[in-house]
Amino acid sequence: MIKGLNIVYKTLIVIAALIGLGLSGLTYAQSNYELGTTLTPAQISALGPLKSFTVGTTTFRILAAGNRSGTYVINDQGKIGICNGEVLISGVPTDQAKRALSAYQASIVSTTVYDSLKMVSAKFSNLQEAANARNELATTLVGATLTMPITFNLPKVN
């Protein structure tokens, strides 16, 4: 009788281990995104509903995975990029850019002023807040160039 229970116990352990390995592989596959990879409509659909944000007239979908460099996003063509929630302002005096950013201070994580480049960088706590601030500032900061960098390819060393 004990031998029979031992076999059932070992079988259950093997099944549990296989389920665990299968789930860990699925988790890895879902979070192992590469910049520049283009997902098919079927692959995007399999990800389920995704949050999105709009920069200017372009909408990006947010993938669940991210790393220290930023959050993975998908553009309209299905290409995977990464964005760190940074808004760059140039083309106006840095004091004017800093004053304009003061309205968003609650959602800004850090601000860096590059006086020699006449540019201000503001990193926001999330992509939606960064996109909203960028879009609003684009209408209020006349003459300014506002960008929200999203990288789709890393340079390759030959």
C-alpha atoms as a PDB file:
ATOM      1  CA  MET A   1       0.000   0.000   0.000  1.00  0.00           C
ATOM      2  CA  ILE A   2       2.814   2.420   0.883  1.00  0.00           C
ATOM      3  CA  LYS A   3       4.563   1.585  -2.374  1.00  0.00           C
ATOM      4  CA  GLY A   4       1.415   2.534  -4.310  1.00  0.00           C
ATOM      5  CA  LEU A   5       1.146   5.861  -2.454  1.00  0.00           C
ATOM      6  CA  ASN A   6       4.832   6.500  -3.112  1.00  0.00           C
ATOM      7  CA  ILE A   7       4.271   6.117  -6.871  1.00  0.00           C
ATOM      8  CA  VAL A   8       1.244   8.454  -6.792  1.00  0.00           C
ATOM      9  CA  TYR A   9       3.232  10.969  -4.730  1.00  0.00           C
ATOM     10  CA  LYS A  10       6.175  10.875  -7.165  1.00  0.00           C
ATOM     11  CA  THR A  11       3.820  11.184 -10.143  1.00  0.00           C
ATOM     12  CA  LEU A  12       2.160  14.242  -8.591  1.00  0.00           C
ATOM     13  CA  ILE A  13       5.570  15.850  -7.968  1.00  0.00           C
ATOM     14  CA  VAL A  14       6.588  15.272 -11.596  1.00  0.00           C
ATOM     15  CA  ILE A  15       3.307  16.755 -12.869  1.00  0.00           C
ATOM     16  CA  ALA A  16       3.644  19.782 -10.563  1.00  0.00           C
ATOM     17  CA  ALA A  17       7.237  20.314 -11.707  1.00  0.00           C
ATOM     18  CA  LEU A  18       6.210  20.140 -15.377  1.00  0.00           C
ATOM     19  CA  ILE A  19       3.394  22.638 -14.804  1.00  0.00           C
ATOM     20  CA  GLY A  20       5.833  24.953 -13.010  1.00  0.00           C
ATOM     21  CA  LEU A  21       8.354  24.731 -15.829  1.00  0.00           C
ATOM     22  CA  GLY A  22       5.640  25.350 -18.397  1.00  0.00           C
ATOM     23  CA  LEU A  23       4.404  28.444 -16.578  1.00  0.00           C
ATOM     24  CA  SER A  24       7.923  29.797 -16.069  1.00  0.00           C
ATOM     25  CA  GLY A  25       8.597  29.340 -19.794  1.00  0.00           C
ATOM     26  CA  LEU A  26       5.389  31.190 -20.613  1.00  0.00           C
ATOM     27  CA  THR A  27       6.337  34.039 -18.284  1.00  0.00           C
ATOM     28  CA  TYR A  28       9.803  34.227 -19.858  1.00  0.00           C
ATOM     29  CA  ALA A  29       8.329  34.269 -23.360  1.00  0.00           C
ATOM     30  CA  GLN A  30       5.973  37.093 -22.435  1.00  0.00           C
ATOM     31  CA  SER A  31       8.700  39.251 -20.903  1.00  0.00           C
ATOM     32  CA  ASN A  32      11.526  38.490 -23.323  1.00  0.00           C
ATOM     33  CA  TYR A  33      10.946  41.296 -25.808  1.00  0.00           C
ATOM     34  CA  GLU A  34      13.651  42.497 -28.170  1.00  0.00           C
ATOM     35  CA  LEU A  35      13.879  46.003 -29.547  1.00  0.00           C
ATOM     36  CA  GLY A  36      13.037  46.229 -33.204  1.00  0.00           C
ATOM     37  CA  THR A  37      11.111  42.955 -33.322  1.00  0.00           C
ATOM     38  CA  THR A  38       7.843  43.264 -35.201  1.00  0.00           C
ATOM     39  CA  LEU A  39       4.926  41.356 -33.727  1.00  0.00           C
ATOM     40  CA  THR A  40       2.233  39.944 -35.976  1.00  0.00           C
ATOM     41  CA  PRO A  41      -1.386  40.997 -35.414  1.00  0.00           C
ATOM     42  CA  ALA A  42      -2.021  37.504 -33.979  1.00  0.00           C
ATOM     43  CA  GLN A  43       0.833  37.906 -31.469  1.00  0.00           C
ATOM     44  CA  ILE A  44      -0.434  41.333 -30.426  1.00  0.00           C
ATOM     45  CA  SER A  45      -3.971  40.002 -30.092  1.00  0.00           C
ATOM     46  CA  ALA A  46      -2.702  37.155 -27.900  1.00  0.00           C
ATOM     47  CA  LEU A  47      -1.346  39.752 -25.434  1.00  0.00           C
ATOM     48  CA  GLY A  48      -4.910  40.807 -24.625  1.00  0.00           C
ATOM     49  CA  PRO A  49      -5.991  44.366 -23.909  1.00  0.00           C
ATOM     50  CA  LEU A  50      -3.026  46.719 -23.489  1.00  0.00           C
ATOM     51  CA  LYS A  51      -2.886  50.204 -22.009  1.00  0.00           C
ATOM     52  CA  SER A  52      -1.914  52.887 -24.494  1.00  0.00           C
ATOM     53  CA  PHE A  53      -0.736  56.478 -24.748  1.00  0.00           C
ATOM     54  CA  THR A  54      -0.642  58.995 -27.573  1.00  0.00           C
ATOM     55  CA  VAL A  55       2.270  61.243 -28.523  1.00  0.00           C
ATOM     56  CA  GLY A  56       1.099  63.835 -31.008  1.00  0.00           C
ATOM     57  CA  THR A  57      -0.987  61.778 -33.417  1.00  0.00           C
ATOM     58  CA  THR A  58       0.746  58.429 -32.861  1.00  0.00           C
ATOM     59  CA  THR A  59      -0.617  55.861 -30.413  1.00  0.00           C
ATOM     60  CA  PHE A  60       1.630  53.361 -28.657  1.00  0.00           C
ATOM     61  CA  ARG A  61       0.551  50.301 -26.685  1.00  0.00           C
ATOM     62  CA  ILE A  62       2.333  49.482 -23.429  1.00  0.00           C
ATOM     63  CA  LEU A  63       3.641  45.951 -22.937  1.00  0.00           C
ATOM     64  CA  ALA A  64       3.567  44.602 -19.407  1.00  0.00           C
ATOM     65  CA  ALA A  65       7.312  43.997 -19.316  1.00  0.00           C
ATOM     66  CA  GLY A  66       9.928  46.638 -18.669  1.00  0.00           C
ATOM     67  CA  ASN A  67      13.436  46.962 -17.381  1.00  0.00           C
ATOM     68  CA  ARG A  68      15.662  49.614 -15.837  1.00  0.00           C
ATOM     69  CA  SER A  69      16.006  51.341 -19.197  1.00  0.00           C
ATOM     70  CA  GLY A  70      12.281  51.860 -19.585  1.00  0.00           C
ATOM     71  CA  THR A  71       9.009  50.275 -20.598  1.00  0.00           C
ATOM     72  CA  TYR A  72       8.458  48.265 -23.745  1.00  0.00           C
ATOM     73  CA  VAL A  73       5.906  49.685 -26.190  1.00  0.00           C
ATOM     74  CA  ILE A  74       4.437  48.653 -29.547  1.00  0.00           C
ATOM     75  CA  ASN A  75       3.912  51.167 -32.364  1.00  0.00           C
ATOM     76  CA  ASP A  76       1.144  51.062 -34.985  1.00  0.00           C
ATOM     77  CA  GLN A  77       3.184  48.705 -37.180  1.00  0.00           C
ATOM     78  CA  GLY A  78       3.685  46.211 -34.320  1.00  0.00           C
ATOM     79  CA  LYS A  79       7.348  47.088 -33.811  1.00  0.00           C
ATOM     80  CA  ILE A  80       8.692  46.833 -30.248  1.00  0.00           C
ATOM     81  CA  GLY A  81      10.448  49.857 -28.787  1.00  0.00           C
ATOM     82  CA  ILE A  82      11.429  51.101 -25.356  1.00  0.00           C
ATOM     83  CA  CYS A  83      10.575  54.403 -23.683  1.00  0.00           C
ATOM     84  CA  ASN A  84      11.750  55.733 -20.331  1.00  0.00           C
ATOM     85  CA  GLY A  85       9.046  58.375 -19.877  1.00  0.00           C
ATOM     86  CA  GLU A  86      11.324  61.297 -20.639  1.00  0.00           C
ATOM     87  CA  VAL A  87      10.214  64.528 -22.292  1.00  0.00           C
ATOM     88  CA  LEU A  88      12.865  66.702 -23.964  1.00  0.00           C
ATOM     89  CA  ILE A  89      12.277  70.411 -24.507  1.00  0.00           C
ATOM     90  CA  SER A  90      14.475  72.541 -26.747  1.00  0.00           C
ATOM     91  CA  GLY A  91      14.125  75.656 -28.869  1.00  0.00           C
ATOM     92  CA  VAL A  92      13.119  77.936 -25.978  1.00  0.00           C
ATOM     93  CA  PRO A  93      15.167  79.384 -23.097  1.00  0.00           C
ATOM     94  CA  THR A  94      15.746  76.760 -20.383  1.00  0.00           C
ATOM     95  CA  ASP A  95      14.153  79.033 -17.752  1.00  0.00           C
ATOM     96  CA  GLN A  96      10.955  79.149 -19.800  1.00  0.00           C
ATOM     97  CA  ALA A  97      10.974  75.349 -20.170  1.00  0.00           C
ATOM     98  CA  LYS A  98      11.517  74.862 -16.420  1.00  0.00           C
ATOM     99  CA  ARG A  99       8.624  77.240 -15.629  1.00  0.00           C
ATOM    100  CA  ALA A 100       6.363  75.323 -18.000  1.00  0.00           C
ATOM    101  CA  LEU A 101       7.329  72.016 -16.367  1.00  0.00           C
ATOM    102  CA  SER A 102       6.522  73.316 -12.878  1.00  0.00           C
ATOM    103  CA  ALA A 103       2.833  72.562 -13.513  1.00  0.00           C
ATOM    104  CA  TYR A 104       3.747  68.867 -13.737  1.00  0.00           C
ATOM    105  CA  GLN A 105       6.071  68.725 -10.722  1.00  0.00           C
ATOM    106  CA  ALA A 106       3.922  66.135  -8.922  1.00  0.00           C
ATOM    107  CA  SER A 107       4.508  63.551 -11.667  1.00  0.00           C
ATOM    108  CA  ILE A 108       8.126  64.428 -12.545  1.00  0.00           C
ATOM    109  CA  VAL A 109      10.760  62.110 -11.074  1.00  0.00           C
ATOM    110  CA  SER A 110      13.777  64.168 -12.156  1.00  0.00           C
ATOM    111  CA  THR A 111      14.675  67.195 -14.240  1.00  0.00           C
ATOM    112  CA  THR A 112      18.009  67.852 -15.923  1.00  0.00           C
ATOM    113  CA  VAL A 113      18.987  71.134 -17.522  1.00  0.00           C
ATOM    114  CA  TYR A 114      21.576  71.117 -20.301  1.00  0.00           C
ATOM    115  CA  ASP A 115      22.455  74.819 -20.532  1.00  0.00           C
ATOM    116  CA  SER A 116      25.105  74.317 -23.210  1.00  0.00           C
ATOM    117  CA  LEU A 117      22.542  72.533 -25.417  1.00  0.00           C
ATOM    118  CA  LYS A 118      19.673  74.859 -24.407  1.00  0.00           C
ATOM    119  CA  MET A 119      17.612  71.785 -23.547  1.00  0.00           C
ATOM    120  CA  VAL A 120      15.638  70.517 -20.541  1.00  0.00           C
ATOM    121  CA  SER A 121      14.872  66.866 -19.844  1.00  0.00           C
ATOM    122  CA  ALA A 122      12.062  65.797 -17.510  1.00  0.00           C
ATOM    123  CA  LYS A 123      11.585  62.162 -16.540  1.00  0.00           C
ATOM    124  CA  PHE A 124       8.018  61.313 -15.528  1.00  0.00           C
ATOM    125  CA  SER A 125       6.763  58.595 -13.209  1.00  0.00           C
ATOM    126  CA  ASN A 126       4.830  56.859 -15.999  1.00  0.00           C
ATOM    127  CA  LEU A 127       4.401  56.973 -19.754  1.00  0.00           C
ATOM    128  CA  GLN A 128       0.826  58.254 -19.742  1.00  0.00           C
ATOM    129  CA  GLU A 129       1.748  61.302 -17.637  1.00  0.00           C
ATOM    130  CA  ALA A 130       4.792  61.972 -19.810  1.00  0.00           C
ATOM    131  CA  ALA A 131       2.704  61.776 -22.991  1.00  0.00           C
ATOM    132  CA  ASN A 132      -0.014  64.024 -21.563  1.00  0.00           C
ATOM    133  CA  ALA A 133       2.549  66.617 -20.444  1.00  0.00           C
ATOM    134  CA  ARG A 134       4.346  66.480 -23.804  1.00  0.00           C
ATOM    135  CA  ASN A 135       1.090  66.944 -25.725  1.00  0.00           C
ATOM    136  CA  GLU A 136      -0.077  69.845 -23.521  1.00  0.00           C
ATOM    137  CA  LEU A 137       3.317  71.573 -23.594  1.00  0.00           C
ATOM    138  CA  ALA A 138       3.424  71.245 -27.386  1.00  0.00           C
ATOM    139  CA  THR A 139       0.437  73.586 -27.548  1.00  0.00           C
ATOM    140  CA  THR A 140       1.526  76.048 -24.828  1.00  0.00           C
ATOM    141  CA  LEU A 141       5.279  76.381 -25.432  1.00  0.00           C
ATOM    142  CA  VAL A 142       5.267  78.278 -28.719  1.00  0.00           C
ATOM    143  CA  GLY A 143       8.485  77.769 -30.663  1.00  0.00           C
ATOM    144  CA  ALA A 144       9.618  74.805 -28.558  1.00  0.00           C
ATOM    145  CA  THR A 145      10.520  71.396 -29.885  1.00  0.00           C
ATOM    146  CA  LEU A 146       9.150  68.649 -27.649  1.00  0.00           C
ATOM    147  CA  THR A 147      10.084  65.029 -28.013  1.00  0.00           C
ATOM    148  CA  MET A 148       9.401  61.855 -26.097  1.00  0.00           C
ATOM    149  CA  PRO A 149      12.195  59.518 -27.218  1.00  0.00           C
ATOM    150  CA  ILE A 150      11.257  55.943 -28.045  1.00  0.00           C
ATOM    151  CA  THR A 151      14.054  53.642 -29.210  1.00  0.00           C
ATOM    152  CA  PHE A 152      13.198  50.885 -31.669  1.00  0.00           C
ATOM    153  CA  ASN A 153      16.691  49.694 -32.604  1.00  0.00           C
ATOM    154  CA  LEU A 154      20.000  49.682 -30.808  1.00  0.00           C
ATOM    155  CA  PRO A 155      23.092  50.479 -32.853  1.00  0.00           C
ATOM    156  CA  LYS A 156      25.057  47.400 -33.791  1.00  0.00           C
ATOM    157  CA  VAL A 157      28.821  47.360 -33.527  1.00  0.00           C
ATOM    158  CA  ASN A 158      30.599  45.972 -36.579  1.00  0.00           C
END
